[in-house]
């Protein structure tokens, strides 16, 4: 038969392999060529070595390679026995932005970096530890640090004081520039405490004589 052959030997003396065993190619001439076979699994977004769909003997190690921006699940080996489940290539997660206040554990990580499916990136914001997890293949992340609570409160207090100061200044300007209504007595100067009031000035009143 073509390709895989269940027999071995020369054309004059063909013998059958034991049950469940086969030869990988035609033309095998020794019983040792009879083996348990394995067909390498196909793969998307990558390739295998030996190549997918090839027939190899049981126990052959198969290495999986992924295309650009794809990777095997974090922690999974790229090499596996042919008869075992072969790894899969997943779309990597990406980082679109990194806050300048974030201190990353892995110093090589930056905006535009890619990281493997099921992997984790650790970072600190001040004294708070945070992380992002590539739990969904192809997900995009932005590493942001929340505003410091104390700084936010201080900023709010400053803004409040600025508003109050503006109101006070506006009120003072209004009082200085407002027109004095007609008939309103002039504003007397403020008298210092402890100083007696001025002595009123006496005026002479002339009597009007009545006719006799």
Protein backbone atom coordinates (compact mmCIF):
# COMPACT_ATOMS: atom_id res chain seq x y z
CA UNK A 1 0.00 0.00 0.00
CA UNK A 2 1.05 3.62 -0.37
CA UNK A 3 2.44 5.47 2.64
CA UNK A 4 1.74 3.63 5.87
CA UNK A 5 2.19 -0.11 5.54
CA UNK A 6 1.14 -2.83 7.90
CA UNK A 7 3.65 -5.22 6.36
CA UNK A 8 7.41 -5.51 6.15
CA UNK A 9 9.92 -7.62 4.24
CA UNK A 10 10.98 -7.98 0.64
CA UNK A 11 8.54 -8.62 -2.15
CA UNK A 12 9.26 -12.32 -2.08
CA UNK A 13 8.78 -12.76 1.64
CA UNK A 14 6.26 -10.29 2.98
CA UNK A 15 5.31 -10.63 6.63
CA UNK A 16 2.59 -8.88 8.59
CA UNK A 17 3.32 -6.65 11.58
CA UNK A 18 1.91 -7.76 14.93
CA UNK A 19 -1.58 -6.55 15.79
CA UNK A 20 -2.02 -2.77 16.22
CA UNK A 21 1.47 -2.06 14.85
CA UNK A 22 2.36 -0.63 11.47
CA UNK A 23 5.39 0.54 9.54
CA UNK A 24 5.76 4.26 8.90
CA UNK A 25 6.72 3.86 5.22
CA UNK A 26 6.60 1.19 2.56
CA UNK A 27 9.75 -0.79 1.99
CA UNK A 28 10.37 -1.59 5.67
CA UNK A 29 12.36 -4.78 5.95
CA UNK A 30 12.56 -5.52 9.65
CA UNK A 31 10.10 -6.38 12.36
CA UNK A 32 11.62 -3.54 14.40
CA UNK A 33 10.06 -1.15 11.87
CA UNK A 34 6.65 -2.20 13.10
CA UNK A 35 5.54 0.42 15.58
CA UNK A 36 2.57 2.21 17.05
CA UNK A 37 1.91 5.29 14.92
CA UNK A 38 0.78 8.83 15.69
CA UNK A 39 -0.56 11.54 13.40
CA UNK A 40 0.59 15.05 14.37
CA UNK A 41 -2.31 17.35 15.16
CA UNK A 42 -3.03 20.40 13.03
CA UNK A 43 -2.78 23.94 14.45
CA UNK A 44 -4.10 27.45 13.74
CA UNK A 45 -1.90 30.56 13.90
CA UNK A 46 1.30 28.52 14.08
CA UNK A 47 3.07 25.36 12.98
CA UNK A 48 4.59 22.19 14.43
CA UNK A 49 7.81 20.28 13.98
CA UNK A 50 7.50 17.60 12.68
CA UNK A 51 4.78 19.14 10.57
CA UNK A 52 1.09 18.75 11.25
CA UNK A 53 -0.64 15.76 9.64
CA UNK A 54 2.67 13.84 9.38
CA UNK A 55 2.71 10.28 10.66
CA UNK A 56 5.43 9.50 13.18
CA UNK A 57 6.12 6.73 15.62
CA UNK A 58 4.55 6.82 19.02
CA UNK A 59 6.73 8.68 21.53
CA UNK A 60 7.99 11.27 19.05
CA UNK A 61 8.32 14.74 20.58
CA UNK A 62 6.50 17.50 18.73
CA UNK A 63 7.39 21.18 19.13
CA UNK A 64 4.77 23.89 18.58
CA UNK A 65 5.63 27.37 17.25
CA UNK A 66 3.21 30.33 17.10
CA UNK A 67 2.94 33.20 14.63
CA UNK A 68 3.71 36.81 15.56
CA UNK A 69 1.46 38.21 18.33
CA UNK A 70 0.36 34.68 19.23
CA UNK A 71 1.73 32.43 21.95
CA UNK A 72 1.09 29.22 23.83
CA UNK A 73 -0.80 29.52 27.11
CA UNK A 74 1.50 30.79 29.86
CA UNK A 75 3.12 27.93 31.76
CA UNK A 76 2.47 25.31 29.06
CA UNK A 77 5.45 23.67 27.37
CA UNK A 78 5.85 23.99 23.61
CA UNK A 79 7.15 20.40 23.43
CA UNK A 80 4.79 17.46 23.88
CA UNK A 81 4.62 13.78 23.01
CA UNK A 82 2.74 13.17 19.79
CA UNK A 83 0.10 11.09 21.56
CA UNK A 84 -0.55 13.82 24.12
CA UNK A 85 -2.74 16.89 23.63
CA UNK A 86 -0.75 19.44 21.68
CA UNK A 87 -0.62 23.09 22.81
CA UNK A 88 -2.69 25.78 21.07
CA UNK A 89 -1.63 29.27 19.88
CA UNK A 90 -3.64 32.11 21.47
CA UNK A 91 -3.82 35.77 20.51
CA UNK A 92 -1.63 37.70 22.97
CA UNK A 93 -2.95 40.51 25.15
CA UNK A 94 -1.61 44.03 24.57
CA UNK A 95 -0.91 47.16 26.61
CA UNK A 96 -2.06 50.40 25.03
CA UNK A 97 -0.96 52.81 27.77
CA UNK A 98 1.19 52.82 30.93
CA UNK A 99 0.66 55.53 33.56
CA UNK A 100 3.94 57.29 34.35
CA UNK A 101 3.17 56.83 38.06
CA UNK A 102 2.97 53.03 37.71
CA UNK A 103 6.05 51.06 38.78
CA UNK A 104 6.06 47.76 36.88
CA UNK A 105 7.71 44.67 38.32
CA UNK A 106 8.88 43.73 34.82
CA UNK A 107 10.81 46.80 33.69
CA UNK A 108 10.67 45.74 30.03
CA UNK A 109 6.89 46.22 29.88
CA UNK A 110 5.78 49.43 28.20
CA UNK A 111 3.04 50.79 25.97
CA UNK A 112 2.78 48.51 22.93
CA UNK A 113 4.05 45.40 24.76
CA UNK A 114 2.34 42.04 24.26
CA UNK A 115 2.00 39.31 26.87
CA UNK A 116 0.88 35.69 26.80
CA UNK A 117 -2.58 34.33 27.38
CA UNK A 118 -3.13 33.48 31.09
CA UNK A 119 -0.09 35.51 32.17
CA UNK A 120 -0.12 38.32 34.76
CA UNK A 121 1.60 41.72 34.91
CA UNK A 122 2.27 43.21 38.37
CA UNK A 123 2.71 46.91 39.12
CA UNK A 124 2.60 49.35 42.04
CA UNK A 125 0.79 52.66 42.40
CA UNK A 126 2.41 54.37 45.38
CA UNK A 127 2.14 51.65 48.05
CA UNK A 128 -0.77 49.79 46.44
CA UNK A 129 -0.05 46.58 44.52
CA UNK A 130 -2.11 45.94 41.39
CA UNK A 131 -2.13 43.47 38.50
CA UNK A 132 -3.69 42.81 35.13
CA UNK A 133 -4.47 39.30 33.86
CA UNK A 134 -4.68 38.17 30.25
CA UNK A 135 -7.76 36.06 30.96
CA UNK A 136 -9.26 36.72 27.53
CA UNK A 137 -7.10 36.16 24.46
CA UNK A 138 -6.44 39.35 22.50
CA UNK A 139 -7.65 41.73 25.23
CA UNK A 140 -6.14 45.25 25.33
CA UNK A 141 -5.24 46.92 28.65
CA UNK A 142 -4.40 50.38 29.97
CA UNK A 143 -2.33 50.53 33.17
CA UNK A 144 -3.62 53.47 35.20
CA UNK A 145 -2.96 54.63 38.77
CA UNK A 146 -5.94 56.14 40.65
CA UNK A 147 -5.61 59.70 41.93
CA UNK A 148 -4.11 59.90 45.40
CA UNK A 149 -6.96 60.39 47.88
CA UNK A 150 -5.10 62.90 50.08
CA UNK A 151 -4.03 64.93 47.07
CA UNK A 152 -7.59 64.95 45.78
CA UNK A 153 -8.92 66.24 49.12
CA UNK A 154 -6.21 68.91 49.32
CA UNK A 155 -7.01 70.01 45.78
CA UNK A 156 -10.69 70.28 46.70
CA UNK A 157 -9.93 72.40 49.77
CA UNK A 158 -7.71 74.75 47.74
CA UNK A 159 -10.41 75.15 45.10
CA UNK A 160 -13.00 75.91 47.81
CA UNK A 161 -10.76 78.57 49.40
CA UNK A 162 -10.14 80.18 46.02
CA UNK A 163 -13.89 80.43 45.43
CA UNK A 164 -14.48 81.97 48.88
CA UNK A 165 -11.67 84.50 48.32
CA UNK A 166 -13.14 85.48 44.97
CA UNK A 167 -16.56 86.04 46.56
CA UNK A 168 -15.08 88.20 49.34
CA UNK A 169 -13.07 90.32 46.90
CA UNK A 170 -16.08 90.83 44.68
CA UNK A 171 -18.16 91.90 47.69
CA UNK A 172 -15.53 94.42 48.83
CA UNK A 173 -15.27 95.94 45.37
CA UNK A 174 -19.05 96.21 45.17
CA UNK A 175 -19.30 97.96 48.55
CA UNK A 176 -16.58 100.45 47.64
CA UNK A 177 -18.06 101.34 44.28
CA UNK A 178 -21.78 101.27 44.97
CA UNK A 179 -23.58 104.67 44.62
CA UNK A 180 -24.79 106.39 47.81
CA UNK A 181 -28.57 107.04 47.70
CA UNK A 182 -29.80 110.66 47.88
CA UNK A 183 -30.65 111.75 51.43
CA UNK A 184 -28.44 109.16 53.04
CA UNK A 185 -26.25 110.69 55.76
CA UNK A 186 -22.53 110.40 55.12
CA UNK A 187 -20.71 107.54 56.75
CA UNK A 188 -19.08 108.73 59.94
CA UNK A 189 -15.45 107.84 60.52
CA UNK A 190 -14.87 104.91 62.80
CA UNK A 191 -14.06 105.96 66.37
CA UNK A 192 -11.31 104.14 68.20
CA UNK A 193 -12.25 102.48 71.41
CA UNK A 194 -11.35 104.42 74.57
CA UNK A 195 -11.56 107.80 72.85
CA UNK A 196 -14.47 109.93 74.10
CA UNK A 197 -16.88 111.28 71.54
CA UNK A 198 -16.32 114.88 70.41
CA UNK A 199 -17.98 117.68 72.39
CA UNK A 200 -20.98 118.95 70.49
CA UNK A 201 -20.66 122.49 69.28
CA UNK A 202 -23.14 124.85 70.85
CA UNK A 203 -24.82 127.33 68.58
CA UNK A 204 -26.49 130.58 69.65
CA UNK A 205 -30.15 130.72 69.04
CA UNK A 206 -31.58 134.25 68.66
CA UNK A 207 -34.91 134.92 70.23
CA UNK A 208 -37.55 136.44 68.08
CA UNK A 209 -39.27 139.29 69.87
CA UNK A 210 -43.00 139.34 69.73
CA UNK A 211 -44.75 142.60 68.87
CA UNK A 212 -46.07 144.59 71.80
